[in-house]
C-alpha atoms as a PDB file:
ATOM      1  CA  MET A   1       0.000   0.000   0.000  1.00  0.00           C
ATOM      2  CA  ASN A   2       1.421   3.395  -1.017  1.00  0.00           C
ATOM      3  CA  MET A   3       0.717   5.765   1.883  1.00  0.00           C
ATOM      4  CA  GLY A   4       2.468   8.672   0.126  1.00  0.00           C
ATOM      5  CA  SER A   5      -0.386   9.100  -2.326  1.00  0.00           C
ATOM      6  CA  HIS A   6      -2.812   9.924   0.513  1.00  0.00           C
ATOM      7  CA  MET A   7      -0.691  12.642   2.103  1.00  0.00           C
ATOM      8  CA  PRO A   8      -1.403  16.286   1.247  1.00  0.00           C
ATOM      9  CA  HIS A   9       1.261  17.852  -0.947  1.00  0.00           C
ATOM     10  CA  THR A  10       2.745  21.170   0.144  1.00  0.00           C
ATOM     11  CA  VAL A  11       5.422  23.555  -1.097  1.00  0.00           C
ATOM     12  CA  THR A  12       6.748  26.037   1.460  1.00  0.00           C
ATOM     13  CA  ARG A  13       9.520  27.888  -0.408  1.00  0.00           C
ATOM     14  CA  CYS A  14      10.357  28.969  -3.949  1.00  0.00           C
ATOM     15  CA  LEU A  15      12.120  26.135  -5.737  1.00  0.00           C
ATOM     16  CA  LEU A  16      14.145  28.636  -7.808  1.00  0.00           C
ATOM     17  CA  CYS A  17      15.308  31.294  -5.347  1.00  0.00           C
ATOM     18  CA  GLY A  18      14.429  29.745  -1.948  1.00  0.00           C
ATOM     19  CA  HIS A  19      12.224  32.678  -0.859  1.00  0.00           C
ATOM     20  CA  THR A  20       9.642  32.095   1.872  1.00  0.00           C
ATOM     21  CA  PRO A  21       6.758  32.549   2.190  1.00  0.00           C
ATOM     22  CA  ILE A  22       5.152  31.889  -1.188  1.00  0.00           C
ATOM     23  CA  ASP A  23       1.539  31.789  -2.353  1.00  0.00           C
ATOM     24  CA  THR A  24       0.261  28.351  -3.329  1.00  0.00           C
ATOM     25  CA  THR A  25      -2.930  26.709  -4.506  1.00  0.00           C
ATOM     26  CA  THR A  26      -3.442  22.963  -4.368  1.00  0.00           C
ATOM     27  CA  ASP A  27      -5.682  20.871  -6.584  1.00  0.00           C
ATOM     28  CA  GLY A  28      -5.225  17.227  -5.667  1.00  0.00           C
ATOM     29  CA  ARG A  29      -1.629  16.292  -6.413  1.00  0.00           C
ATOM     30  CA  ILE A  30      -0.918  19.517  -8.372  1.00  0.00           C
ATOM     31  CA  VAL A  31       0.431  22.560  -6.525  1.00  0.00           C
ATOM     32  CA  THR A  32       0.791  25.956  -8.220  1.00  0.00           C
ATOM     33  CA  ALA A  33       3.306  28.239  -6.503  1.00  0.00           C
ATOM     34  CA  PHE A  34       3.854  31.984  -7.008  1.00  0.00           C
ATOM     35  CA  CYS A  35       7.004  33.663  -5.659  1.00  0.00           C
ATOM     36  CA  SER A  36       6.779  37.389  -5.002  1.00  0.00           C
ATOM     37  CA  ALA A  37      10.597  37.678  -4.826  1.00  0.00           C
ATOM     38  CA  CYS A  38      11.578  36.312  -8.248  1.00  0.00           C
ATOM     39  CA  LEU A  39       8.059  36.403  -9.781  1.00  0.00           C
ATOM     40  CA  ALA A  40       8.255  32.744 -10.801  1.00  0.00           C
ATOM     41  CA  ILE A  41       5.090  30.714 -11.219  1.00  0.00           C
ATOM     42  CA  LEU A  42       5.624  26.966 -10.961  1.00  0.00           C
ATOM     43  CA  THR A  43       3.342  23.964 -11.188  1.00  0.00           C
ATOM     44  CA  ILE A  44       4.451  20.921  -9.249  1.00  0.00           C
ATOM     45  CA  GLU A  45       2.717  17.651 -10.114  1.00  0.00           C
ATOM     46  CA  PHE A  46       3.394  15.110  -7.378  1.00  0.00           C
ATOM     47  CA  ASP A  47       3.487  11.411  -8.286  1.00  0.00           C
ATOM     48  CA  PRO A  48       2.685  11.852 -12.018  1.00  0.00           C
ATOM     49  CA  PRO A  49       0.714   8.772 -13.102  1.00  0.00           C
ATOM     50  CA  ASP A  50       2.390   8.609 -16.527  1.00  0.00           C
ATOM     51  CA  GLN A  51       5.852   8.379 -14.900  1.00  0.00           C
ATOM     52  CA  PRO A  52       5.539   6.439 -11.622  1.00  0.00           C
ATOM     53  CA  GLU A  53       9.330   6.509 -11.070  1.00  0.00           C
ATOM     54  CA  LEU A  54       9.165  10.303 -10.497  1.00  0.00           C
ATOM     55  CA  ARG A  55       8.287  11.873  -7.157  1.00  0.00           C
ATOM     56  CA  ALA A  56       7.321  15.186  -8.806  1.00  0.00           C
ATOM     57  CA  ARG A  57       7.318  16.991 -12.138  1.00  0.00           C
ATOM     58  CA  ILE A  58       8.022  20.727 -11.950  1.00  0.00           C
ATOM     59  CA  GLU A  59       7.239  23.189 -14.737  1.00  0.00           C
ATOM     60  CA  ARG A  60       7.785  26.921 -14.898  1.00  0.00           C
ATOM     61  CA  ILE A  61       4.660  28.473 -16.418  1.00  0.00           C
ATOM     62  CA  ASP A  62       5.507  32.183 -16.327  1.00  0.00           C
ATOM     63  CA  GLU A  63       7.503  34.077 -18.911  1.00  0.00           C
ATOM     64  CA  PRO A  64      10.733  35.468 -17.425  1.00  0.00           C
ATOM     65  CA  ASP A  65      11.310  39.209 -17.818  1.00  0.00           C
ATOM     66  CA  PHE A  66      15.059  39.750 -17.533  1.00  0.00           C
ATOM     67  CA  GLU A  67      14.920  43.528 -18.052  1.00  0.00           C
ATOM     68  CA  ASN A  68      12.822  44.068 -14.910  1.00  0.00           C
ATOM     69  CA  ARG A  69      14.679  41.482 -12.819  1.00  0.00           C
ATOM     70  CA  ALA A  70      18.258  42.698 -13.156  1.00  0.00           C
ATOM     71  CA  GLY A  71      18.767  42.620  -9.367  1.00  0.00           C
ATOM     72  CA  VAL A  72      17.367  39.147  -8.839  1.00  0.00           C
ATOM     73  CA  GLY A  73      20.001  36.430  -8.726  1.00  0.00           C
ATOM     74  CA  VAL A  74      17.995  33.646 -10.333  1.00  0.00           C
ATOM     75  CA  ALA A  75      19.364  31.435 -13.060  1.00  0.00           C
ATOM     76  CA  TYR A  76      16.897  30.583 -15.809  1.00  0.00           C
ATOM     77  CA  ALA A  77      17.331  27.192 -17.397  1.00  0.00           C
ATOM     78  CA  GLU A  78      16.503  26.776 -21.054  1.00  0.00           C
ATOM     79  CA  ALA A  79      14.678  23.550 -20.223  1.00  0.00           C
ATOM     80  CA  ARG A  80      11.287  24.511 -18.859  1.00  0.00           C
ATOM     81  CA  SER A  81      10.517  21.176 -17.213  1.00  0.00           C
ATOM     82  CA  PHE A  82      12.332  19.736 -14.217  1.00  0.00           C
ATOM     83  CA  ARG A  83      11.961  16.222 -12.855  1.00  0.00           C
ATOM     84  CA  VAL A  84      12.550  15.006  -9.325  1.00  0.00           C
ATOM     85  CA  ARG A  85      13.295  11.313  -8.946  1.00  0.00           C
ATOM     86  CA  SER A  86      12.384   9.280  -5.873  1.00  0.00           C
ATOM     87  CA  ARG A  87      15.218   8.197  -3.646  1.00  0.00           C
END
């Protein structure tokens, strides 16, 4: 029995810059997070059914604006999808 699938999923800090607190909304196993520090919007899909070997799939859904974020030390990866594997 997989007890992890019954636990609520939470995100407490920005996965890009580490800022806390962040605003989040949760819909089942999908959490949408908005960071007011780096302005990132991420969707985190926990335990994606199409890839059971992954713990979470993370996608950045905002469009970065480098001109207005010159002082923010956040690296932007060209790949817009990140995957977290289970241990």
